[in-house]
PDB file of N, CA and C in Angstrom:
ATOM      1  N   MET A   1      -5.179   7.140   8.903  1.00  0.00           N
ATOM      2  CA  MET A   1      -6.219   7.203   8.546  1.00  0.00           C
ATOM      3  C   MET A   1      -5.916   8.934   8.415  1.00  0.00           C
ATOM      4  N   THR A   2      -6.356   9.841   7.033  1.00  0.00           N
ATOM      5  CA  THR A   2      -7.333  11.281   7.530  1.00  0.00           C
ATOM      6  C   THR A   2      -8.430  11.929   7.050  1.00  0.00           C
ATOM      7  N   ASN A   3      -8.661  12.825   6.944  1.00  0.00           N
ATOM      8  CA  ASN A   3     -10.607  13.531   7.201  1.00  0.00           C
ATOM      9  C   ASN A   3     -10.018  14.429   6.412  1.00  0.00           C
ATOM     10  N   GLY A   4      -8.591  14.259   5.167  1.00  0.00           N
ATOM     11  CA  GLY A   4      -8.842  15.145   4.290  1.00  0.00           C
ATOM     12  C   GLY A   4      -8.113  16.236   4.404  1.00  0.00           C
ATOM     13  N   GLN A   5      -7.683  16.691   4.868  1.00  0.00           N
ATOM     14  CA  GLN A   5      -6.704  17.160   5.709  1.00  0.00           C
ATOM     15  C   GLN A   5      -5.600  17.392   5.759  1.00  0.00           C
ATOM     16  N   PRO A   6      -4.172  18.422   5.446  1.00  0.00           N
ATOM     17  CA  PRO A   6      -2.534  18.513   4.927  1.00  0.00           C
ATOM     18  C   PRO A   6      -2.482  16.656   6.355  1.00  0.00           C
ATOM     19  N   ILE A   7      -1.575  16.488   5.495  1.00  0.00           N
ATOM     20  CA  ILE A   7      -0.975  15.776   6.195  1.00  0.00           C
ATOM     21  C   ILE A   7       0.625  16.086   7.197  1.00  0.00           C
ATOM     22  N   ILE A   8       0.607  15.956   8.206  1.00  0.00           N
ATOM     23  CA  ILE A   8       1.254  17.029   8.926  1.00  0.00           C
ATOM     24  C   ILE A   8       2.607  15.704   9.635  1.00  0.00           C
ATOM     25  N   VAL A   9       3.531  15.800   8.698  1.00  0.00           N
ATOM     26  CA  VAL A   9       4.816  15.518  10.225  1.00  0.00           C
ATOM     27  C   VAL A   9       5.605  15.926  10.374  1.00  0.00           C
ATOM     28  N   ARG A  10       6.128  15.529  11.538  1.00  0.00           N
ATOM     29  CA  ARG A  10       7.082  15.792  12.836  1.00  0.00           C
ATOM     30  C   ARG A  10       8.542  14.897  12.683  1.00  0.00           C
ATOM     31  N   GLY A  11       8.960  15.369  11.703  1.00  0.00           N
ATOM     32  CA  GLY A  11      10.412  14.529  11.901  1.00  0.00           C
ATOM     33  C   GLY A  11      12.118  14.754  13.040  1.00  0.00           C
ATOM     34  N   VAL A  12      12.379  13.666  12.716  1.00  0.00           N
ATOM     35  CA  VAL A  12      13.747  14.338  14.044  1.00  0.00           C
ATOM     36  C   VAL A  12      14.960  13.903  13.474  1.00  0.00           C
ATOM     37  N   MET A  13      16.398  14.333  12.990  1.00  0.00           N
ATOM     38  CA  MET A  13      17.049  13.553  13.187  1.00  0.00           C
ATOM     39  C   MET A  13      18.337  13.893  13.432  1.00  0.00           C
ATOM     40  N   LYS A  14      19.231  12.910  14.044  1.00  0.00           N
ATOM     41  CA  LYS A  14      20.981  13.594  14.706  1.00  0.00           C
ATOM     42  C   LYS A  14      21.453  14.865  13.555  1.00  0.00           C
ATOM     43  N   PRO A  15      23.003  15.240  14.103  1.00  0.00           N
ATOM     44  CA  PRO A  15      23.943  16.253  13.473  1.00  0.00           C
ATOM     45  C   PRO A  15      24.542  15.182  13.195  1.00  0.00           C
ATOM     46  N   ILE A  16      24.825  15.688  11.181  1.00  0.00           N
ATOM     47  CA  ILE A  16      26.013  14.312  11.216  1.00  0.00           C
ATOM     48  C   ILE A  16      27.311  14.997  11.484  1.00  0.00           C
ATOM     49  N   SER A  17      27.909  13.980  11.724  1.00  0.00           N
ATOM     50  CA  SER A  17      29.305  13.614  12.482  1.00  0.00           C
ATOM     51  C   SER A  17      30.307  14.701  11.941  1.00  0.00           C
ATOM     52  N   THR A  18      31.568  15.729  11.876  1.00  0.00           N
ATOM     53  CA  THR A  18      32.442  16.114  11.708  1.00  0.00           C
ATOM     54  C   THR A  18      32.906  14.714  11.202  1.00  0.00           C
ATOM     55  N   LEU A  19      34.459  15.056  10.318  1.00  0.00           N
ATOM     56  CA  LEU A  19      34.770  13.536   9.590  1.00  0.00           C
ATOM     57  C   LEU A  19      35.892  14.427   9.150  1.00  0.00           C
ATOM     58  N   LEU A  20      37.127  14.006  10.436  1.00  0.00           N
ATOM     59  CA  LEU A  20      37.838  15.448  10.332  1.00  0.00           C
ATOM     60  C   LEU A  20      39.652  14.771   8.954  1.00  0.00           C
ATOM     61  N   GLN A  21      39.416  13.163   9.097  1.00  0.00           N
ATOM     62  CA  GLN A  21      40.132  13.233   7.988  1.00  0.00           C
ATOM     63  C   GLN A  21      39.647  11.915   7.180  1.00  0.00           C
ATOM     64  N   GLY A  22      39.990  12.115   5.942  1.00  0.00           N
ATOM     65  CA  GLY A  22      39.024  11.302   5.166  1.00  0.00           C
ATOM     66  C   GLY A  22      39.025   9.004   5.695  1.00  0.00           C
ATOM     67  N   MET A  23      38.345   8.508   5.213  1.00  0.00           N
ATOM     68  CA  MET A  23      38.110   7.597   5.821  1.00  0.00           C
ATOM     69  C   MET A  23      37.844   6.771   3.956  1.00  0.00           C
ATOM     70  N   ASP A  24      38.408   5.077   4.867  1.00  0.00           N
ATOM     71  CA  ASP A  24      38.219   4.172   3.886  1.00  0.00           C
ATOM     72  C   ASP A  24      36.820   4.281   2.609  1.00  0.00           C
ATOM     73  N   SER A  25      36.075   3.950   1.889  1.00  0.00           N
ATOM     74  CA  SER A  25      35.143   4.155   1.366  1.00  0.00           C
ATOM     75  C   SER A  25      34.845   3.625   0.027  1.00  0.00           C
ATOM     76  N   VAL A  26      34.005   3.333  -0.542  1.00  0.00           N
ATOM     77  CA  VAL A  26      33.877   2.968  -1.936  1.00  0.00           C
ATOM     78  C   VAL A  26      33.016   3.955  -2.838  1.00  0.00           C
ATOM     79  N   ASN A  27      33.421   4.153  -4.022  1.00  0.00           N
ATOM     80  CA  ASN A  27      32.940   4.918  -5.288  1.00  0.00           C
ATOM     81  C   ASN A  27      32.113   5.047  -5.854  1.00  0.00           C
ATOM     82  N   LEU A  28      30.684   5.191  -5.805  1.00  0.00           N
ATOM     83  CA  LEU A  28      29.274   3.897  -6.523  1.00  0.00           C
ATOM     84  C   LEU A  28      29.180   4.875  -7.547  1.00  0.00           C
ATOM     85  N   ARG A  29      30.032   5.787  -8.123  1.00  0.00           N
ATOM     86  CA  ARG A  29      29.799   5.383  -9.718  1.00  0.00           C
ATOM     87  C   ARG A  29      31.017   4.766 -10.130  1.00  0.00           C
ATOM     88  N   THR A  30      32.233   4.604  -9.345  1.00  0.00           N
ATOM     89  CA  THR A  30      33.202   3.677 -10.089  1.00  0.00           C
ATOM     90  C   THR A  30      33.498   2.168  -9.294  1.00  0.00           C
ATOM     91  N   LEU A  31      33.024   2.016  -8.399  1.00  0.00           N
ATOM     92  CA  LEU A  31      32.498   0.192  -7.252  1.00  0.00           C
ATOM     93  C   LEU A  31      34.010   0.685  -7.107  1.00  0.00           C
ATOM     94  N   GLN A  32      34.971   1.680  -6.922  1.00  0.00           N
ATOM     95  CA  GLN A  32      36.417   1.605  -7.351  1.00  0.00           C
ATOM     96  C   GLN A  32      36.621   1.934  -5.232  1.00  0.00           C
ATOM     97  N   PRO A  33      37.590   1.601  -4.733  1.00  0.00           N
ATOM     98  CA  PRO A  33      37.473   1.588  -3.151  1.00  0.00           C
ATOM     99  C   PRO A  33      38.438   3.836  -3.244  1.00  0.00           C
ATOM    100  N   GLU A  34      38.183   3.754  -2.761  1.00  0.00           N
ATOM    101  CA  GLU A  34      38.685   5.467  -2.409  1.00  0.00           C
ATOM    102  C   GLU A  34      38.205   5.299  -0.647  1.00  0.00           C
ATOM    103  N   ARG A  35      39.081   6.968  -0.857  1.00  0.00           N
ATOM    104  CA  ARG A  35      39.252   7.668   0.820  1.00  0.00           C
ATOM    105  C   ARG A  35      37.996   8.831   0.684  1.00  0.00           C
ATOM    106  N   SER A  36      37.318   8.867   1.441  1.00  0.00           N
ATOM    107  CA  SER A  36      36.717  10.330   1.341  1.00  0.00           C
ATOM    108  C   SER A  36      36.982  11.323   1.828  1.00  0.00           C
ATOM    109  N   ASP A  37      36.532  12.597   1.360  1.00  0.00           N
ATOM    110  CA  ASP A  37      36.681  13.934   1.687  1.00  0.00           C
ATOM    111  C   ASP A  37      36.632  14.132   3.611  1.00  0.00           C
ATOM    112  N   TYR A  38      37.408  15.088   3.379  1.00  0.00           N
ATOM    113  CA  TYR A  38      37.005  15.691   4.885  1.00  0.00           C
ATOM    114  C   TYR A  38      35.707  16.480   5.088  1.00  0.00           C
ATOM    115  N   GLU A  39      34.475  16.069   5.940  1.00  0.00           N
ATOM    116  CA  GLU A  39      33.130  16.378   6.073  1.00  0.00           C
ATOM    117  C   GLU A  39      32.857  17.348   7.391  1.00  0.00           C
ATOM    118  N   ARG A  40      32.614  18.984   6.907  1.00  0.00           N
ATOM    119  CA  ARG A  40      32.175  19.321   7.780  1.00  0.00           C
ATOM    120  C   ARG A  40      31.055  18.996   8.642  1.00  0.00           C
ATOM    121  N   SER A  41      30.215  19.073  10.018  1.00  0.00           N
ATOM    122  CA  SER A  41      29.030  19.684  10.778  1.00  0.00           C
ATOM    123  C   SER A  41      28.205  20.848  11.038  1.00  0.00           C
ATOM    124  N   ASP A  42      28.539  21.586  10.100  1.00  0.00           N
ATOM    125  CA  ASP A  42      28.415  23.103  10.967  1.00  0.00           C
ATOM    126  C   ASP A  42      27.818  22.868   9.235  1.00  0.00           C
ATOM    127  N   PHE A  43      27.297  22.541   8.768  1.00  0.00           N
ATOM    128  CA  PHE A  43      26.684  22.943   7.878  1.00  0.00           C
ATOM    129  C   PHE A  43      25.111  21.849   8.195  1.00  0.00           C
ATOM    130  N   CYS A  44      23.210  22.485   7.393  1.00  0.00           N
ATOM    131  CA  CYS A  44      22.755  22.043   7.640  1.00  0.00           C
ATOM    132  C   CYS A  44      21.914  20.709   6.697  1.00  0.00           C
ATOM    133  N   ALA A  45      21.896  19.427   6.695  1.00  0.00           N
ATOM    134  CA  ALA A  45      21.959  18.590   6.235  1.00  0.00           C
ATOM    135  C   ALA A  45      19.974  17.620   6.315  1.00  0.00           C
ATOM    136  N   LEU A  46      18.849  19.300   6.540  1.00  0.00           N
ATOM    137  CA  LEU A  46      18.118  18.683   6.981  1.00  0.00           C
ATOM    138  C   LEU A  46      17.259  19.123   5.746  1.00  0.00           C
ATOM    139  N   PRO A  47      17.502  19.877   4.705  1.00  0.00           N
ATOM    140  CA  PRO A  47      16.982  19.973   3.186  1.00  0.00           C
ATOM    141  C   PRO A  47      16.870  18.786   2.648  1.00  0.00           C
ATOM    142  N   ALA A  48      18.090  17.908   2.974  1.00  0.00           N
ATOM    143  CA  ALA A  48      18.834  16.781   1.891  1.00  0.00           C
ATOM    144  C   ALA A  48      17.136  15.791   2.642  1.00  0.00           C
ATOM    145  N   ALA A  49      17.343  15.795   3.446  1.00  0.00           N
ATOM    146  CA  ALA A  49      16.396  14.772   4.887  1.00  0.00           C
ATOM    147  C   ALA A  49      15.367  14.959   4.379  1.00  0.00           C
ATOM    148  N   SER A  50      14.502  15.944   4.349  1.00  0.00           N
ATOM    149  CA  SER A  50      13.496  16.707   4.205  1.00  0.00           C
ATOM    150  C   SER A  50      12.791  15.489   2.688  1.00  0.00           C
ATOM    151  N   VAL A  51      13.427  15.873   1.566  1.00  0.00           N
ATOM    152  CA  VAL A  51      13.115  15.488   0.655  1.00  0.00           C
ATOM    153  C   VAL A  51      13.415  13.806   0.776  1.00  0.00           C
ATOM    154  N   VAL A  52      14.089  13.314   1.630  1.00  0.00           N
ATOM    155  CA  VAL A  52      14.014  11.442   1.625  1.00  0.00           C
ATOM    156  C   VAL A  52      12.399  11.344   2.396  1.00  0.00           C
ATOM    157  N   ALA A  53      12.330  12.318   3.472  1.00  0.00           N
ATOM    158  CA  ALA A  53      11.248  12.263   4.154  1.00  0.00           C
ATOM    159  C   ALA A  53       9.695  12.348   3.361  1.00  0.00           C
ATOM    160  N   GLU A  54       9.411  13.206   2.541  1.00  0.00           N
ATOM    161  CA  GLU A  54       8.554  13.618   1.574  1.00  0.00           C
ATOM    162  C   GLU A  54       7.928  11.847   0.775  1.00  0.00           C
ATOM    163  N   ASN A  55       9.346  11.700   0.266  1.00  0.00           N
ATOM    164  CA  ASN A  55       9.225  10.647  -0.871  1.00  0.00           C
ATOM    165  C   ASN A  55       8.313   9.986   0.177  1.00  0.00           C
ATOM    166  N   VAL A  56       9.148   9.033   1.238  1.00  0.00           N
ATOM    167  CA  VAL A  56       8.804   8.101   2.242  1.00  0.00           C
ATOM    168  C   VAL A  56       7.024   8.279   2.384  1.00  0.00           C
ATOM    169  N   VAL A  57       6.998   9.289   2.641  1.00  0.00           N
ATOM    170  CA  VAL A  57       5.501   9.774   3.062  1.00  0.00           C
ATOM    171  C   VAL A  57       4.718   9.213   1.466  1.00  0.00           C
ATOM    172  N   ALA A  58       5.094  10.489   0.598  1.00  0.00           N
ATOM    173  CA  ALA A  58       4.247  10.071  -0.470  1.00  0.00           C
ATOM    174  C   ALA A  58       4.348   7.933  -0.902  1.00  0.00           C
ATOM    175  N   CYS A  59       5.142   6.841  -0.800  1.00  0.00           N
ATOM    176  CA  CYS A  59       5.028   5.947  -0.875  1.00  0.00           C
ATOM    177  C   CYS A  59       4.487   5.557  -0.098  1.00  0.00           C
ATOM    178  N   GLU A  60       4.595   5.629   1.564  1.00  0.00           N
ATOM    179  CA  GLU A  60       3.404   4.842   2.112  1.00  0.00           C
ATOM    180  C   GLU A  60       1.448   5.084   2.115  1.00  0.00           C
ATOM    181  N   SER A  61       2.073   6.454   1.639  1.00  0.00           N
ATOM    182  CA  SER A  61       0.686   6.960   0.798  1.00  0.00           C
ATOM    183  C   SER A  61      -0.060   6.218  -0.285  1.00  0.00           C
ATOM    184  N   ALA A  62       0.878   6.068  -1.019  1.00  0.00           N
ATOM    185  CA  ALA A  62       0.103   5.115  -2.884  1.00  0.00           C
ATOM    186  C   ALA A  62       0.489   4.225  -2.244  1.00  0.00           C
ATOM    187  N   ARG A  63       1.098   3.572  -0.898  1.00  0.00           N
ATOM    188  CA  ARG A  63       1.343   2.026  -0.041  1.00  0.00           C
ATOM    189  C   ARG A  63      -0.793   1.488  -0.184  1.00  0.00           C
ATOM    190  N   ALA A  64      -1.328   2.668   1.159  1.00  0.00           N
ATOM    191  CA  ALA A  64      -1.834   2.422   1.761  1.00  0.00           C
ATOM    192  C   ALA A  64      -3.516   2.736   0.632  1.00  0.00           C
ATOM    193  N   PHE A  65      -3.166   3.352  -0.558  1.00  0.00           N
ATOM    194  CA  PHE A  65      -4.700   4.005  -1.310  1.00  0.00           C
ATOM    195  C   PHE A  65      -4.902   2.836  -2.299  1.00  0.00           C
ATOM    196  N   LEU A  66      -3.713   2.561  -2.670  1.00  0.00           N
ATOM    197  CA  LEU A  66      -3.409   0.390  -3.406  1.00  0.00           C
ATOM    198  C   LEU A  66      -3.882  -0.400  -2.430  1.00  0.00           C
ATOM    199  N   GLU A  67      -3.810  -0.356  -1.602  1.00  0.00           N
ATOM    200  CA  GLU A  67      -4.341  -1.342  -0.014  1.00  0.00           C
ATOM    201  C   GLU A  67      -5.891  -1.058  -0.478  1.00  0.00           C
ATOM    202  N   LYS A  68      -6.848  -0.168  -0.326  1.00  0.00           N
ATOM    203  CA  LYS A  68      -7.891   0.052  -0.360  1.00  0.00           C
ATOM    204  C   LYS A  68      -8.433   0.075  -1.689  1.00  0.00           C
ATOM    205  N   PHE A  69      -7.933   0.538  -2.598  1.00  0.00           N
ATOM    206  CA  PHE A  69      -8.210   0.687  -4.521  1.00  0.00           C
ATOM    207  C   PHE A  69      -7.617  -0.348  -4.913  1.00  0.00           C
ATOM    208  N   GLY A  70      -6.812  -1.338  -4.333  1.00  0.00           N
ATOM    209  CA  GLY A  70      -5.903  -1.793  -5.740  1.00  0.00           C
ATOM    210  C   GLY A  70      -6.691  -2.634  -6.922  1.00  0.00           C
ATOM    211  N   GLY A  71      -6.481  -2.881  -7.436  1.00  0.00           N
ATOM    212  CA  GLY A  71      -6.617  -3.497  -8.301  1.00  0.00           C
ATOM    213  C   GLY A  71      -5.261  -4.302  -9.488  1.00  0.00           C
ATOM    214  N   ASP A  72      -6.158  -4.805 -10.484  1.00  0.00           N
ATOM    215  CA  ASP A  72      -4.707  -5.216 -10.981  1.00  0.00           C
ATOM    216  C   ASP A  72      -4.083  -4.628 -12.459  1.00  0.00           C
ATOM    217  N   THR A  73      -5.333  -3.057 -12.993  1.00  0.00           N
ATOM    218  CA  THR A  73      -5.017  -2.002 -13.410  1.00  0.00           C
ATOM    219  C   THR A  73      -4.972  -1.504 -13.339  1.00  0.00           C
ATOM    220  N   LEU A  74      -4.367  -0.174 -13.665  1.00  0.00           N
ATOM    221  CA  LEU A  74      -4.699   1.037 -13.361  1.00  0.00           C
ATOM    222  C   LEU A  74      -6.256   1.201 -13.901  1.00  0.00           C
ATOM    223  N   ARG A  75      -6.693   0.582 -14.554  1.00  0.00           N
ATOM    224  CA  ARG A  75      -8.273   1.171 -14.558  1.00  0.00           C
ATOM    225  C   ARG A  75      -9.064   0.489 -13.265  1.00  0.00           C
ATOM    226  N   GLU A  76      -8.603  -0.672 -13.011  1.00  0.00           N
ATOM    227  CA  GLU A  76     -10.354  -1.551 -12.010  1.00  0.00           C
ATOM    228  C   GLU A  76      -9.274  -0.303 -10.898  1.00  0.00           C
ATOM    229  N   VAL A  77      -8.248   0.603 -10.690  1.00  0.00           N
ATOM    230  CA  VAL A  77      -7.980   0.972  -9.514  1.00  0.00           C
ATOM    231  C   VAL A  77      -9.121   2.452  -9.400  1.00  0.00           C
ATOM    232  N   ARG A  78      -8.841   3.384 -10.621  1.00  0.00           N
ATOM    233  CA  ARG A  78     -10.030   4.297 -10.819  1.00  0.00           C
ATOM    234  C   ARG A  78     -10.931   3.422 -10.475  1.00  0.00           C
ATOM    235  N   ALA A  79     -11.494   2.945 -11.166  1.00  0.00           N
ATOM    236  CA  ALA A  79     -13.100   2.500 -11.167  1.00  0.00           C
ATOM    237  C   ALA A  79     -13.591   1.918  -9.448  1.00  0.00           C
ATOM    238  N   ALA A  80     -12.605   1.606  -8.569  1.00  0.00           N
ATOM    239  CA  ALA A  80     -12.652   1.708  -7.031  1.00  0.00           C
ATOM    240  C   ALA A  80     -12.752   2.681  -6.682  1.00  0.00           C
ATOM    241  N   PHE A  81     -11.968   3.451  -6.861  1.00  0.00           N
ATOM    242  CA  PHE A  81     -12.268   4.907  -5.743  1.00  0.00           C
ATOM    243  C   PHE A  81     -13.008   5.647  -6.740  1.00  0.00           C
ATOM    244  N   GLU A  82     -14.003   5.548  -8.550  1.00  0.00           N
ATOM    245  CA  GLU A  82     -14.725   6.340  -8.233  1.00  0.00           C
ATOM    246  C   GLU A  82     -16.047   5.948  -7.504  1.00  0.00           C
ATOM    247  N   TYR A  83     -16.099   4.476  -7.456  1.00  0.00           N
ATOM    248  CA  TYR A  83     -17.185   4.070  -6.514  1.00  0.00           C
ATOM    249  C   TYR A  83     -16.926   3.941  -5.588  1.00  0.00           C
ATOM    250  N   TYR A  84     -16.168   4.629  -4.952  1.00  0.00           N
ATOM    251  CA  TYR A  84     -16.180   5.352  -3.475  1.00  0.00           C
ATOM    252  C   TYR A  84     -16.275   6.327  -2.789  1.00  0.00           C
ATOM    253  N   ARG A  85     -15.696   7.435  -4.291  1.00  0.00           N
ATOM    254  CA  ARG A  85     -16.503   8.088  -3.566  1.00  0.00           C
ATOM    255  C   ARG A  85     -17.876   8.636  -4.136  1.00  0.00           C
ATOM    256  N   THR A  86     -18.284   7.888  -5.274  1.00  0.00           N
ATOM    257  CA  THR A  86     -19.660   7.953  -5.169  1.00  0.00           C
ATOM    258  C   THR A  86     -20.628   7.477  -4.167  1.00  0.00           C
ATOM    259  N   THR A  87     -19.996   6.771  -3.572  1.00  0.00           N
ATOM    260  CA  THR A  87     -20.663   5.971  -2.727  1.00  0.00           C
ATOM    261  C   THR A  87     -20.325   7.091  -1.540  1.00  0.00           C
ATOM    262  N   LEU A  88     -19.407   7.581  -1.494  1.00  0.00           N
ATOM    263  CA  LEU A  88     -19.870   8.560  -0.246  1.00  0.00           C
ATOM    264  C   LEU A  88     -20.772  10.064  -0.020  1.00  0.00           C
ATOM    265  N   ARG A  89     -20.546  10.210  -1.351  1.00  0.00           N
ATOM    266  CA  ARG A  89     -22.072  11.398  -1.687  1.00  0.00           C
ATOM    267  C   ARG A  89     -23.357  11.021  -1.296  1.00  0.00           C
ATOM    268  N   SER A  90     -23.492   9.848  -1.567  1.00  0.00           N
ATOM    269  CA  SER A  90     -25.129   8.869  -2.028  1.00  0.00           C
ATOM    270  C   SER A  90     -24.975   9.518  -0.422  1.00  0.00           C
ATOM    271  N   LEU A  91     -23.808   8.924   0.685  1.00  0.00           N
ATOM    272  CA  LEU A  91     -24.626   8.731   1.769  1.00  0.00           C
ATOM    273  C   LEU A  91     -24.569  10.092   2.283  1.00  0.00           C
ATOM    274  N   ALA A  92     -23.365  11.080   1.912  1.00  0.00           N
ATOM    275  CA  ALA A  92     -23.450  12.880   2.615  1.00  0.00           C
ATOM    276  C   ALA A  92     -24.762  13.205   2.294  1.00  0.00           C
ATOM    277  N   GLU A  93     -25.363  12.748   0.606  1.00  0.00           N
ATOM    278  CA  GLU A  93     -26.696  13.415   0.706  1.00  0.00           C
ATOM    279  C   GLU A  93     -28.607  12.913   1.125  1.00  0.00           C
ATOM    280  N   SER A  94     -27.809  11.753   1.386  1.00  0.00           N
ATOM    281  CA  SER A  94     -28.920  10.914   2.172  1.00  0.00           C
ATOM    282  C   SER A  94     -28.875  12.062   3.668  1.00  0.00           C
ATOM    283  N   SER A  95     -27.822  11.524   4.696  1.00  0.00           N
ATOM    284  CA  SER A  95     -27.610  12.282   5.439  1.00  0.00           C
ATOM    285  C   SER A  95     -28.317  13.753   5.728  1.00  0.00           C
ATOM    286  N   ASP A  96     -27.850  14.291   4.697  1.00  0.00           N
ATOM    287  CA  ASP A  96     -28.326  15.964   4.717  1.00  0.00           C
ATOM    288  C   ASP A  96     -29.782  15.693   4.477  1.00  0.00           C
ATOM    289  N   ALA A  97     -30.300  14.948   3.908  1.00  0.00           N
ATOM    290  CA  ALA A  97     -31.804  14.580   3.433  1.00  0.00           C
ATOM    291  C   ALA A  97     -32.968  14.442   4.330  1.00  0.00           C
ATOM    292  N   SER A  98     -31.782  13.741   5.803  1.00  0.00           N
ATOM    293  CA  SER A  98     -32.694  12.928   6.839  1.00  0.00           C
ATOM    294  C   SER A  98     -32.675  14.009   7.878  1.00  0.00           C
ATOM    295  N   ARG A  99     -31.608  15.160   7.639  1.00  0.00           N
ATOM    296  CA  ARG A  99     -31.714  15.780   8.586  1.00  0.00           C
ATOM    297  C   ARG A  99     -32.629  16.641   8.448  1.00  0.00           C
ATOM    298  N   ASN A 100     -32.534  17.106   7.333  1.00  0.00           N
ATOM    299  CA  ASN A 100     -33.575  18.148   6.923  1.00  0.00           C
ATOM    300  C   ASN A 100     -35.243  18.067   6.821  1.00  0.00           C
ATOM    301  N   ALA A 101     -35.245  16.529   6.666  1.00  0.00           N
ATOM    302  CA  ALA A 101     -36.959  16.093   6.882  1.00  0.00           C
ATOM    303  C   ALA A 101     -37.214  16.089   8.189  1.00  0.00           C
TER     304      ALA A 101
END
């Protein structure tokens, strides 16, 4: 649950291992066996990991949104979300009116 403020995620990752000599692997494009290259561990893999983390957060946010407002069509999702927003506005206005009375 969020109050509308930006969502802050703190994540960690372990450093990648240095691969001194190639290992048996598979080329994912050709699906053929291949030997991996020498890999140094002194570069930063964090930018790539942040892209993955950002997309995981986006998928989970979308999942939670659809859990709350989901329907069979996008039109139903939009209608449920608009109804929710209208209800919140009405509650806020009635709360303000009762405070000012």
